[in-house]
Amino acid sequence: MSTVSGVLAFLLEIGVYAAAGWWGFTRRVHLLLRLVLAVCLVALFAVVWALFGAPSAVYPLHGAARAVLELCWFGAGAGAWAAVKGRQAALWFCGAWLLSTALEVAFA
């Protein structure tokens, strides 16, 4: 993996956490529940990524399983971006993910 694709992939992972937390915080419930939801969503995403997606994952996925994980992971991030900032933000996020994936494949 090139340095550029690695940095872009890391920024996209942070983008998923940010979108999930932001989405949780924008629900129309009591402030305390919004905070709990935001923190729990970020924690859930962090656990899933640490178990299956991170370079040092406990149970690293490869091949088709990795592709499914990334589609679900970044798709959830795009959905959260769409919910909090609109379709254009989600499209930009998807475009960045496609660029990151293309760079990763090109330099593999």
PDB file of N, CA and C in Angstrom:
ATOM      1  N   MET A   1       0.851  -1.177   0.000  1.00  0.00           N
ATOM      2  CA  MET A   1       0.000   0.000   0.000  1.00  0.00           C
ATOM      3  C   MET A   1       0.892   1.233   0.000  1.00  0.00           C
ATOM      4  N   SER A   2       0.607   2.159  -0.891  1.00  0.00           N
ATOM      5  CA  SER A   2       1.396   3.383  -0.935  1.00  0.00           C
ATOM      6  C   SER A   2       1.033   4.274   0.245  1.00  0.00           C
ATOM      7  N   THR A   3       1.908   5.224   0.506  1.00  0.00           N
ATOM      8  CA  THR A   3       1.658   6.157   1.610  1.00  0.00           C
ATOM      9  C   THR A   3       0.388   6.955   1.368  1.00  0.00           C
ATOM     10  N   VAL A   4       0.174   7.380   0.132  1.00  0.00           N
ATOM     11  CA  VAL A   4      -1.010   8.181  -0.191  1.00  0.00           C
ATOM     12  C   VAL A   4      -2.286   7.380   0.047  1.00  0.00           C
ATOM     13  N   SER A   5      -2.328   6.146  -0.439  1.00  0.00           N
ATOM     14  CA  SER A   5      -3.540   5.350  -0.252  1.00  0.00           C
ATOM     15  C   SER A   5      -3.732   4.998   1.222  1.00  0.00           C
ATOM     16  N   GLY A   6      -2.648   4.795   1.953  1.00  0.00           N
ATOM     17  CA  GLY A   6      -2.756   4.517   3.387  1.00  0.00           C
ATOM     18  C   GLY A   6      -3.312   5.690   4.163  1.00  0.00           C
ATOM     19  N   VAL A   7      -2.832   6.883   3.850  1.00  0.00           N
ATOM     20  CA  VAL A   7      -3.331   8.091   4.519  1.00  0.00           C
ATOM     21  C   VAL A   7      -4.789   8.320   4.163  1.00  0.00           C
ATOM     22  N   LEU A   8      -5.125   8.166   2.891  1.00  0.00           N
ATOM     23  CA  LEU A   8      -6.511   8.355   2.465  1.00  0.00           C
ATOM     24  C   LEU A   8      -7.429   7.337   3.128  1.00  0.00           C
ATOM     25  N   ALA A   9      -6.985   6.079   3.209  1.00  0.00           N
ATOM     26  CA  ALA A   9      -7.791   5.051   3.866  1.00  0.00           C
ATOM     27  C   ALA A   9      -8.001   5.392   5.344  1.00  0.00           C
ATOM     28  N   PHE A  10      -6.959   5.867   6.009  1.00  0.00           N
ATOM     29  CA  PHE A  10      -7.087   6.251   7.417  1.00  0.00           C
ATOM     30  C   PHE A  10      -8.061   7.414   7.585  1.00  0.00           C
ATOM     31  N   LEU A  11      -7.959   8.412   6.727  1.00  0.00           N
ATOM     32  CA  LEU A  11      -8.882   9.551   6.811  1.00  0.00           C
ATOM     33  C   LEU A  11     -10.324   9.124   6.555  1.00  0.00           C
ATOM     34  N   LEU A  12     -10.515   8.180   5.651  1.00  0.00           N
ATOM     35  CA  LEU A  12     -11.865   7.667   5.402  1.00  0.00           C
ATOM     36  C   LEU A  12     -12.400   6.904   6.609  1.00  0.00           C
ATOM     37  N   GLU A  13     -11.539   6.154   7.282  1.00  0.00           N
ATOM     38  CA  GLU A  13     -11.973   5.468   8.505  1.00  0.00           C
ATOM     39  C   GLU A  13     -12.412   6.486   9.553  1.00  0.00           C
ATOM     40  N   ILE A  14     -11.642   7.537   9.715  1.00  0.00           N
ATOM     41  CA  ILE A  14     -12.008   8.600  10.648  1.00  0.00           C
ATOM     42  C   ILE A  14     -13.328   9.235  10.216  1.00  0.00           C
ATOM     43  N   GLY A  15     -13.511   9.357   8.893  1.00  0.00           N
ATOM     44  CA  GLY A  15     -14.762   9.910   8.372  1.00  0.00           C
ATOM     45  C   GLY A  15     -15.969   9.054   8.716  1.00  0.00           C
ATOM     46  N   VAL A  16     -15.793   7.745   8.737  1.00  0.00           N
ATOM     47  CA  VAL A  16     -16.892   6.852   9.125  1.00  0.00           C
ATOM     48  C   VAL A  16     -17.235   7.080  10.601  1.00  0.00           C
ATOM     49  N   TYR A  17     -16.214   7.134  11.443  1.00  0.00           N
ATOM     50  CA  TYR A  17     -16.462   7.383  12.874  1.00  0.00           C
ATOM     51  C   TYR A  17     -17.160   8.729  13.080  1.00  0.00           C
ATOM     52  N   ALA A  18     -16.675   9.752  12.392  1.00  0.00           N
ATOM     53  CA  ALA A  18     -17.259  11.091  12.540  1.00  0.00           C
ATOM     54  C   ALA A  18     -18.716  11.102  12.093  1.00  0.00           C
ATOM     55  N   ALA A  19     -19.000  10.487  10.954  1.00  0.00           N
ATOM     56  CA  ALA A  19     -20.371  10.479  10.436  1.00  0.00           C
ATOM     57  C   ALA A  19     -21.299   9.698  11.356  1.00  0.00           C
ATOM     58  N   ALA A  20     -20.837   8.556  11.860  1.00  0.00           N
ATOM     59  CA  ALA A  20     -21.673   7.751  12.752  1.00  0.00           C
ATOM     60  C   ALA A  20     -21.966   8.504  14.045  1.00  0.00           C
ATOM     61  N   GLY A  21     -20.937   9.106  14.625  1.00  0.00           N
ATOM     62  CA  GLY A  21     -21.144   9.876  15.850  1.00  0.00           C
ATOM     63  C   GLY A  21     -22.037  11.081  15.627  1.00  0.00           C
ATOM     64  N   TRP A  22     -21.827  11.768  14.513  1.00  0.00           N
ATOM     65  CA  TRP A  22     -22.626  12.945  14.192  1.00  0.00           C
ATOM     66  C   TRP A  22     -24.080  12.545  13.989  1.00  0.00           C
ATOM     67  N   TRP A  23     -24.292  11.445  13.266  1.00  0.00           N
ATOM     68  CA  TRP A  23     -25.659  10.973  13.055  1.00  0.00           C
ATOM     69  C   TRP A  23     -26.327  10.666  14.389  1.00  0.00           C
ATOM     70  N   GLY A  24     -25.624   9.961  15.262  1.00  0.00           N
ATOM     71  CA  GLY A  24     -26.194   9.631  16.568  1.00  0.00           C
ATOM     72  C   GLY A  24     -26.516  10.863  17.383  1.00  0.00           C
ATOM     73  N   PHE A  25     -25.669  11.873  17.274  1.00  0.00           N
ATOM     74  CA  PHE A  25     -25.881  13.091  18.058  1.00  0.00           C
ATOM     75  C   PHE A  25     -27.011  13.955  17.506  1.00  0.00           C
ATOM     76  N   THR A  26     -27.397  13.757  16.260  1.00  0.00           N
ATOM     77  CA  THR A  26     -28.451  14.585  15.669  1.00  0.00           C
ATOM     78  C   THR A  26     -29.847  13.985  15.781  1.00  0.00           C
ATOM     79  N   ARG A  27     -29.984  12.855  16.471  1.00  0.00           N
ATOM     80  CA  ARG A  27     -31.315  12.281  16.672  1.00  0.00           C
ATOM     81  C   ARG A  27     -32.127  13.216  17.562  1.00  0.00           C
ATOM     82  N   ARG A  28     -33.424  13.147  17.429  1.00  0.00           N
ATOM     83  CA  ARG A  28     -34.327  14.031  18.184  1.00  0.00           C
ATOM     84  C   ARG A  28     -34.767  13.368  19.481  1.00  0.00           C
ATOM     85  N   VAL A  29     -33.813  13.220  20.368  1.00  0.00           N
ATOM     86  CA  VAL A  29     -34.068  12.668  21.692  1.00  0.00           C
ATOM     87  C   VAL A  29     -33.351  13.545  22.713  1.00  0.00           C
ATOM     88  N   HIS A  30     -33.513  13.207  23.965  1.00  0.00           N
ATOM     89  CA  HIS A  30     -32.876  13.961  25.046  1.00  0.00           C
ATOM     90  C   HIS A  30     -31.356  14.020  24.821  1.00  0.00           C
ATOM     91  N   LEU A  31     -30.736  15.099  25.250  1.00  0.00           N
ATOM     92  CA  LEU A  31     -29.309  15.309  25.055  1.00  0.00           C
ATOM     93  C   LEU A  31     -28.473  14.136  25.566  1.00  0.00           C
ATOM     94  N   LEU A  32     -28.791  13.639  26.737  1.00  0.00           N
ATOM     95  CA  LEU A  32     -28.028  12.524  27.292  1.00  0.00           C
ATOM     96  C   LEU A  32     -28.117  11.296  26.391  1.00  0.00           C
ATOM     97  N   LEU A  33     -29.300  11.010  25.868  1.00  0.00           N
ATOM     98  CA  LEU A  33     -29.460   9.868  24.968  1.00  0.00           C
ATOM     99  C   LEU A  33     -28.700  10.071  23.659  1.00  0.00           C
ATOM    100  N   ARG A  34     -28.673  11.318  23.169  1.00  0.00           N
ATOM    101  CA  ARG A  34     -27.899  11.606  21.954  1.00  0.00           C
ATOM    102  C   ARG A  34     -26.415  11.354  22.187  1.00  0.00           C
ATOM    103  N   LEU A  35     -25.920  11.788  23.338  1.00  0.00           N
ATOM    104  CA  LEU A  35     -24.509  11.558  23.659  1.00  0.00           C
ATOM    105  C   LEU A  35     -24.198  10.067  23.766  1.00  0.00           C
ATOM    106  N   VAL A  36     -25.067   9.336  24.455  1.00  0.00           N
ATOM    107  CA  VAL A  36     -24.868   7.898  24.605  1.00  0.00           C
ATOM    108  C   VAL A  36     -24.915   7.211  23.249  1.00  0.00           C
ATOM    109  N   LEU A  37     -25.877   7.574  22.416  1.00  0.00           N
ATOM    110  CA  LEU A  37     -25.994   6.967  21.091  1.00  0.00           C
ATOM    111  C   LEU A  37     -24.760   7.260  20.250  1.00  0.00           C
ATOM    112  N   ALA A  38     -24.295   8.488  20.251  1.00  0.00           N
ATOM    113  CA  ALA A  38     -23.113   8.849  19.468  1.00  0.00           C
ATOM    114  C   ALA A  38     -21.891   8.056  19.925  1.00  0.00           C
ATOM    115  N   VAL A  39     -21.675   8.007  21.228  1.00  0.00           N
ATOM    116  CA  VAL A  39     -20.514   7.281  21.764  1.00  0.00           C
ATOM    117  C   VAL A  39     -20.626   5.786  21.474  1.00  0.00           C
ATOM    118  N   CYS A  40     -21.807   5.223  21.647  1.00  0.00           N
ATOM    119  CA  CYS A  40     -21.995   3.791  21.404  1.00  0.00           C
ATOM    120  C   CYS A  40     -21.811   3.432  19.936  1.00  0.00           C
ATOM    121  N   LEU A  41     -22.280   4.279  19.039  1.00  0.00           N
ATOM    122  CA  LEU A  41     -22.086   4.000  17.611  1.00  0.00           C
ATOM    123  C   LEU A  41     -20.608   4.027  17.243  1.00  0.00           C
ATOM    124  N   VAL A  42     -19.902   5.037  17.711  1.00  0.00           N
ATOM    125  CA  VAL A  42     -18.466   5.117  17.425  1.00  0.00           C
ATOM    126  C   VAL A  42     -17.753   3.905  18.015  1.00  0.00           C
ATOM    127  N   ALA A  43     -18.112   3.525  19.233  1.00  0.00           N
ATOM    128  CA  ALA A  43     -17.485   2.354  19.871  1.00  0.00           C
ATOM    129  C   ALA A  43     -17.794   1.086  19.090  1.00  0.00           C
ATOM    130  N   LEU A  44     -19.025   0.925  18.632  1.00  0.00           N
ATOM    131  CA  LEU A  44     -19.393  -0.261  17.851  1.00  0.00           C
ATOM    132  C   LEU A  44     -18.584  -0.336  16.566  1.00  0.00           C
ATOM    133  N   PHE A  45     -18.484   0.772  15.861  1.00  0.00           N
ATOM    134  CA  PHE A  45     -17.694   0.792  14.631  1.00  0.00           C
ATOM    135  C   PHE A  45     -16.226   0.498  14.929  1.00  0.00           C
ATOM    136  N   ALA A  46     -15.710   1.042  16.029  1.00  0.00           N
ATOM    137  CA  ALA A  46     -14.307   0.805  16.396  1.00  0.00           C
ATOM    138  C   ALA A  46     -14.058  -0.674  16.694  1.00  0.00           C
ATOM    139  N   VAL A  47     -14.976  -1.311  17.379  1.00  0.00           N
ATOM    140  CA  VAL A  47     -14.811  -2.732  17.697  1.00  0.00           C
ATOM    141  C   VAL A  47     -14.839  -3.570  16.425  1.00  0.00           C
ATOM    142  N   VAL A  48     -15.779  -3.299  15.548  1.00  0.00           N
ATOM    143  CA  VAL A  48     -15.867  -4.062  14.292  1.00  0.00           C
ATOM    144  C   VAL A  48     -14.583  -3.891  13.485  1.00  0.00           C
ATOM    145  N   TRP A  49     -14.091  -2.655  13.390  1.00  0.00           N
ATOM    146  CA  TRP A  49     -12.886  -2.412  12.597  1.00  0.00           C
ATOM    147  C   TRP A  49     -11.661  -3.064  13.249  1.00  0.00           C
ATOM    148  N   ALA A  50     -11.577  -2.980  14.562  1.00  0.00           N
ATOM    149  CA  ALA A  50     -10.439  -3.588  15.264  1.00  0.00           C
ATOM    150  C   ALA A  50     -10.442  -5.110  15.122  1.00  0.00           C
ATOM    151  N   LEU A  51     -11.616  -5.704  15.111  1.00  0.00           N
ATOM    152  CA  LEU A  51     -11.699  -7.158  14.998  1.00  0.00           C
ATOM    153  C   LEU A  51     -11.430  -7.659  13.586  1.00  0.00           C
ATOM    154  N   PHE A  52     -11.930  -6.942  12.575  1.00  0.00           N
ATOM    155  CA  PHE A  52     -11.910  -7.485  11.221  1.00  0.00           C
ATOM    156  C   PHE A  52     -11.220  -6.636  10.159  1.00  0.00           C
ATOM    157  N   GLY A  53     -11.131  -5.322  10.339  1.00  0.00           N
ATOM    158  CA  GLY A  53     -10.679  -4.480   9.234  1.00  0.00           C
ATOM    159  C   GLY A  53      -9.317  -3.839   9.362  1.00  0.00           C
ATOM    160  N   ALA A  54      -8.855  -3.598  10.563  1.00  0.00           N
ATOM    161  CA  ALA A  54      -7.589  -2.893  10.770  1.00  0.00           C
ATOM    162  C   ALA A  54      -6.408  -3.736  10.298  1.00  0.00           C
ATOM    163  N   PRO A  55      -5.309  -3.087   9.942  1.00  0.00           N
ATOM    164  CA  PRO A  55      -4.118  -3.847   9.547  1.00  0.00           C
ATOM    165  C   PRO A  55      -3.665  -4.841  10.623  1.00  0.00           C
ATOM    166  N   SER A  56      -3.889  -4.528  11.883  1.00  0.00           N
ATOM    167  CA  SER A  56      -3.526  -5.433  12.977  1.00  0.00           C
ATOM    168  C   SER A  56      -4.763  -6.086  13.589  1.00  0.00           C
ATOM    169  N   ALA A  57      -5.769  -6.361  12.755  1.00  0.00           N
ATOM    170  CA  ALA A  57      -7.041  -6.915  13.229  1.00  0.00           C
ATOM    171  C   ALA A  57      -6.849  -8.267  13.907  1.00  0.00           C
ATOM    172  N   VAL A  58      -7.710  -8.539  14.869  1.00  0.00           N
ATOM    173  CA  VAL A  58      -7.686  -9.820  15.572  1.00  0.00           C
ATOM    174  C   VAL A  58      -8.026 -10.960  14.614  1.00  0.00           C
ATOM    175  N   TYR A  59      -9.034 -10.757  13.797  1.00  0.00           N
ATOM    176  CA  TYR A  59      -9.466 -11.748  12.798  1.00  0.00           C
ATOM    177  C   TYR A  59      -9.497 -11.061  11.427  1.00  0.00           C
ATOM    178  N   PRO A  60      -8.338 -10.839  10.816  1.00  0.00           N
ATOM    179  CA  PRO A  60      -8.322 -10.089   9.557  1.00  0.00           C
ATOM    180  C   PRO A  60      -9.059 -10.833   8.439  1.00  0.00           C
ATOM    181  N   LEU A  61      -9.820 -10.089   7.681  1.00  0.00           N
ATOM    182  CA  LEU A  61     -10.561 -10.658   6.558  1.00  0.00           C
ATOM    183  C   LEU A  61      -9.800 -10.422   5.267  1.00  0.00           C
ATOM    184  N   HIS A  62      -9.960 -11.341   4.322  1.00  0.00           N
ATOM    185  CA  HIS A  62      -9.286 -11.247   3.034  1.00  0.00           C
ATOM    186  C   HIS A  62     -10.272 -11.606   1.934  1.00  0.00           C
ATOM    187  N   GLY A  63      -9.962 -11.198   0.740  1.00  0.00           N
ATOM    188  CA  GLY A  63     -10.759 -11.563  -0.424  1.00  0.00           C
ATOM    189  C   GLY A  63     -12.176 -11.026  -0.375  1.00  0.00           C
ATOM    190  N   ALA A  64     -13.135 -11.890  -0.693  1.00  0.00           N
ATOM    191  CA  ALA A  64     -14.538 -11.488  -0.771  1.00  0.00           C
ATOM    192  C   ALA A  64     -15.072 -11.020   0.583  1.00  0.00           C
ATOM    193  N   ALA A  65     -14.651 -11.679   1.653  1.00  0.00           N
ATOM    194  CA  ALA A  65     -15.111 -11.272   2.987  1.00  0.00           C
ATOM    195  C   ALA A  65     -14.653  -9.854   3.304  1.00  0.00           C
ATOM    196  N   ARG A  66     -13.428  -9.518   2.913  1.00  0.00           N
ATOM    197  CA  ARG A  66     -12.909  -8.157   3.134  1.00  0.00           C
ATOM    198  C   ARG A  66     -13.710  -7.155   2.305  1.00  0.00           C
ATOM    199  N   ALA A  67     -14.023  -7.524   1.075  1.00  0.00           N
ATOM    200  CA  ALA A  67     -14.800  -6.642   0.212  1.00  0.00           C
ATOM    201  C   ALA A  67     -16.183  -6.372   0.808  1.00  0.00           C
ATOM    202  N   VAL A  68     -16.818  -7.402   1.344  1.00  0.00           N
ATOM    203  CA  VAL A  68     -18.133  -7.235   1.971  1.00  0.00           C
ATOM    204  C   VAL A  68     -18.016  -6.334   3.198  1.00  0.00           C
ATOM    205  N   LEU A  69     -16.992  -6.556   4.018  1.00  0.00           N
ATOM    206  CA  LEU A  69     -16.782  -5.703   5.195  1.00  0.00           C
ATOM    207  C   LEU A  69     -16.634  -4.248   4.777  1.00  0.00           C
ATOM    208  N   GLU A  70     -15.794  -3.988   3.785  1.00  0.00           N
ATOM    209  CA  GLU A  70     -15.568  -2.607   3.365  1.00  0.00           C
ATOM    210  C   GLU A  70     -16.823  -1.990   2.748  1.00  0.00           C
ATOM    211  N   LEU A  71     -17.567  -2.770   1.975  1.00  0.00           N
ATOM    212  CA  LEU A  71     -18.821  -2.246   1.412  1.00  0.00           C
ATOM    213  C   LEU A  71     -19.795  -1.860   2.523  1.00  0.00           C
ATOM    214  N   CYS A  72     -19.923  -2.717   3.521  1.00  0.00           N
ATOM    215  CA  CYS A  72     -20.825  -2.422   4.643  1.00  0.00           C
ATOM    216  C   CYS A  72     -20.307  -1.265   5.476  1.00  0.00           C
ATOM    217  N   TRP A  73     -19.009  -1.297   5.785  1.00  0.00           N
ATOM    218  CA  TRP A  73     -18.385  -0.270   6.634  1.00  0.00           C
ATOM    219  C   TRP A  73     -18.496   1.119   5.999  1.00  0.00           C
ATOM    220  N   PHE A  74     -17.957   1.246   4.778  1.00  0.00           N
ATOM    221  CA  PHE A  74     -17.951   2.545   4.126  1.00  0.00           C
ATOM    222  C   PHE A  74     -19.336   2.916   3.605  1.00  0.00           C
ATOM    223  N   GLY A  75     -20.156   1.916   3.299  1.00  0.00           N
ATOM    224  CA  GLY A  75     -21.546   2.195   2.929  1.00  0.00           C
ATOM    225  C   GLY A  75     -22.321   2.784   4.092  1.00  0.00           C
ATOM    226  N   ALA A  76     -22.084   2.267   5.293  1.00  0.00           N
ATOM    227  CA  ALA A  76     -22.724   2.842   6.480  1.00  0.00           C
ATOM    228  C   ALA A  76     -22.235   4.266   6.708  1.00  0.00           C
ATOM    229  N   GLY A  77     -20.949   4.485   6.476  1.00  0.00           N
ATOM    230  CA  GLY A  77     -20.414   5.847   6.596  1.00  0.00           C
ATOM    231  C   GLY A  77     -21.055   6.786   5.590  1.00  0.00           C
ATOM    232  N   ALA A  78     -21.188   6.333   4.350  1.00  0.00           N
ATOM    233  CA  ALA A  78     -21.828   7.154   3.320  1.00  0.00           C
ATOM    234  C   ALA A  78     -23.287   7.428   3.671  1.00  0.00           C
ATOM    235  N   GLY A  79     -23.971   6.412   4.190  1.00  0.00           N
ATOM    236  CA  GLY A  79     -25.360   6.610   4.605  1.00  0.00           C
ATOM    237  C   GLY A  79     -25.482   7.617   5.733  1.00  0.00           C
ATOM    238  N   ALA A  80     -24.554   7.557   6.670  1.00  0.00           N
ATOM    239  CA  ALA A  80     -24.578   8.525   7.768  1.00  0.00           C
ATOM    240  C   ALA A  80     -24.282   9.926   7.251  1.00  0.00           C
ATOM    241  N   TRP A  81     -23.322  10.041   6.327  1.00  0.00           N
ATOM    242  CA  TRP A  81     -23.041  11.361   5.739  1.00  0.00           C
ATOM    243  C   TRP A  81     -24.261  11.887   4.998  1.00  0.00           C
ATOM    244  N   ALA A  82     -24.944  11.006   4.274  1.00  0.00           N
ATOM    245  CA  ALA A  82     -26.153  11.430   3.562  1.00  0.00           C
ATOM    246  C   ALA A  82     -27.217  11.921   4.530  1.00  0.00           C
ATOM    247  N   ALA A  83     -27.338  11.243   5.675  1.00  0.00           N
ATOM    248  CA  ALA A  83     -28.360  11.617   6.648  1.00  0.00           C
ATOM    249  C   ALA A  83     -28.055  12.963   7.322  1.00  0.00           C
ATOM    250  N   VAL A  84     -26.780  13.238   7.561  1.00  0.00           N
ATOM    251  CA  VAL A  84     -26.469  14.471   8.301  1.00  0.00           C
ATOM    252  C   VAL A  84     -26.104  15.641   7.404  1.00  0.00           C
ATOM    253  N   LYS A  85     -25.547  15.371   6.218  1.00  0.00           N
ATOM    254  CA  LYS A  85     -25.112  16.469   5.351  1.00  0.00           C
ATOM    255  C   LYS A  85     -25.686  16.430   3.948  1.00  0.00           C
ATOM    256  N   GLY A  86     -26.389  15.374   3.604  1.00  0.00           N
ATOM    257  CA  GLY A  86     -27.021  15.313   2.291  1.00  0.00           C
ATOM    258  C   GLY A  86     -26.315  14.398   1.308  1.00  0.00           C
ATOM    259  N   ARG A  87     -26.968  14.243   0.169  1.00  0.00           N
ATOM    260  CA  ARG A  87     -26.505  13.315  -0.853  1.00  0.00           C
ATOM    261  C   ARG A  87     -25.130  13.682  -1.405  1.00  0.00           C
ATOM    262  N   GLN A  88     -24.870  14.956  -1.574  1.00  0.00           N
ATOM    263  CA  GLN A  88     -23.587  15.366  -2.149  1.00  0.00           C
ATOM    264  C   GLN A  88     -22.419  14.959  -1.245  1.00  0.00           C
ATOM    265  N   ALA A  89     -22.567  15.116   0.054  1.00  0.00           N
ATOM    266  CA  ALA A  89     -21.512  14.696   0.984  1.00  0.00           C
ATOM    267  C   ALA A  89     -21.283  13.197   0.887  1.00  0.00           C
ATOM    268  N   ALA A  90     -22.358  12.435   0.768  1.00  0.00           N
ATOM    269  CA  ALA A  90     -22.235  10.981   0.637  1.00  0.00           C
ATOM    270  C   ALA A  90     -21.542  10.611  -0.671  1.00  0.00           C
ATOM    271  N   LEU A  91     -21.853  11.319  -1.740  1.00  0.00           N
ATOM    272  CA  LEU A  91     -21.207  11.031  -3.024  1.00  0.00           C
ATOM    273  C   LEU A  91     -19.720  11.355  -2.992  1.00  0.00           C
ATOM    274  N   TRP A  92     -19.356  12.457  -2.357  1.00  0.00           N
ATOM    275  CA  TRP A  92     -17.938  12.798  -2.204  1.00  0.00           C
ATOM    276  C   TRP A  92     -17.224  11.725  -1.382  1.00  0.00           C
ATOM    277  N   PHE A  93     -17.872  11.270  -0.327  1.00  0.00           N
ATOM    278  CA  PHE A  93     -17.291  10.225   0.514  1.00  0.00           C
ATOM    279  C   PHE A  93     -17.094   8.945  -0.285  1.00  0.00           C
ATOM    280  N   CYS A  94     -18.093   8.555  -1.053  1.00  0.00           N
ATOM    281  CA  CYS A  94     -17.993   7.345  -1.888  1.00  0.00           C
ATOM    282  C   CYS A  94     -16.898   7.495  -2.934  1.00  0.00           C
ATOM    283  N   GLY A  95     -16.802   8.676  -3.520  1.00  0.00           N
ATOM    284  CA  GLY A  95     -15.751   8.918  -4.506  1.00  0.00           C
ATOM    285  C   GLY A  95     -14.362   8.787  -3.901  1.00  0.00           C
ATOM    286  N   ALA A  96     -14.192   9.322  -2.703  1.00  0.00           N
ATOM    287  CA  ALA A  96     -12.900   9.209  -2.016  1.00  0.00           C
ATOM    288  C   ALA A  96     -12.598   7.751  -1.688  1.00  0.00           C
ATOM    289  N   TRP A  97     -13.614   7.003  -1.293  1.00  0.00           N
ATOM    290  CA  TRP A  97     -13.408   5.576  -1.003  1.00  0.00           C
ATOM    291  C   TRP A  97     -13.022   4.814  -2.269  1.00  0.00           C
ATOM    292  N   LEU A  98     -13.684   5.110  -3.372  1.00  0.00           N
ATOM    293  CA  LEU A  98     -13.333   4.447  -4.634  1.00  0.00           C
ATOM    294  C   LEU A  98     -11.904   4.779  -5.052  1.00  0.00           C
ATOM    295  N   LEU A  99     -11.498   6.041  -4.880  1.00  0.00           N
ATOM    296  CA  LEU A  99     -10.123   6.439  -5.189  1.00  0.00           C
ATOM    297  C   LEU A  99      -9.141   5.692  -4.289  1.00  0.00           C
ATOM    298  N   SER A 100      -9.439   5.609  -3.005  1.00  0.00           N
ATOM    299  CA  SER A 100      -8.578   4.902  -2.074  1.00  0.00           C
ATOM    300  C   SER A 100      -8.450   3.429  -2.451  1.00  0.00           C
ATOM    301  N   THR A 101      -9.555   2.811  -2.805  1.00  0.00           N
ATOM    302  CA  THR A 101      -9.547   1.403  -3.200  1.00  0.00           C
ATOM    303  C   THR A 101      -8.753   1.210  -4.493  1.00  0.00           C
ATOM    304  N   ALA A 102      -8.929   2.112  -5.442  1.00  0.00           N
ATOM    305  CA  ALA A 102      -8.187   2.015  -6.699  1.00  0.00           C
ATOM    306  C   ALA A 102      -6.685   2.159  -6.469  1.00  0.00           C
ATOM    307  N   LEU A 103      -6.301   3.086  -5.604  1.00  0.00           N
ATOM    308  CA  LEU A 103      -4.878   3.259  -5.292  1.00  0.00           C
ATOM    309  C   LEU A 103      -4.325   2.021  -4.588  1.00  0.00           C
ATOM    310  N   GLU A 104      -5.120   1.447  -3.686  1.00  0.00           N
ATOM    311  CA  GLU A 104      -4.685   0.257  -2.973  1.00  0.00           C
ATOM    312  C   GLU A 104      -4.475  -0.912  -3.938  1.00  0.00           C
ATOM    313  N   VAL A 105      -5.388  -1.073  -4.870  1.00  0.00           N
ATOM    314  CA  VAL A 105      -5.274  -2.155  -5.866  1.00  0.00           C
ATOM    315  C   VAL A 105      -4.081  -1.897  -6.800  1.00  0.00           C
ATOM    316  N   ALA A 106      -3.902  -0.648  -7.191  1.00  0.00           N
ATOM    317  CA  ALA A 106      -2.831  -0.307  -8.123  1.00  0.00           C
ATOM    318  C   ALA A 106      -1.451  -0.526  -7.512  1.00  0.00           C
ATOM    319  N   PHE A 107      -1.320  -0.298  -6.212  1.00  0.00           N
ATOM    320  CA  PHE A 107      -0.013  -0.409  -5.554  1.00  0.00           C
ATOM    321  C   PHE A 107       0.139  -1.683  -4.734  1.00  0.00           C
ATOM    322  N   ALA A 108      -0.778  -2.623  -4.917  1.00  0.00           N
ATOM    323  CA  ALA A 108      -0.688  -3.887  -4.147  1.00  0.00           C
ATOM    324  C   ALA A 108       0.376  -4.800  -4.699  1.00  0.00           C
TER     325      ALA A 108
END
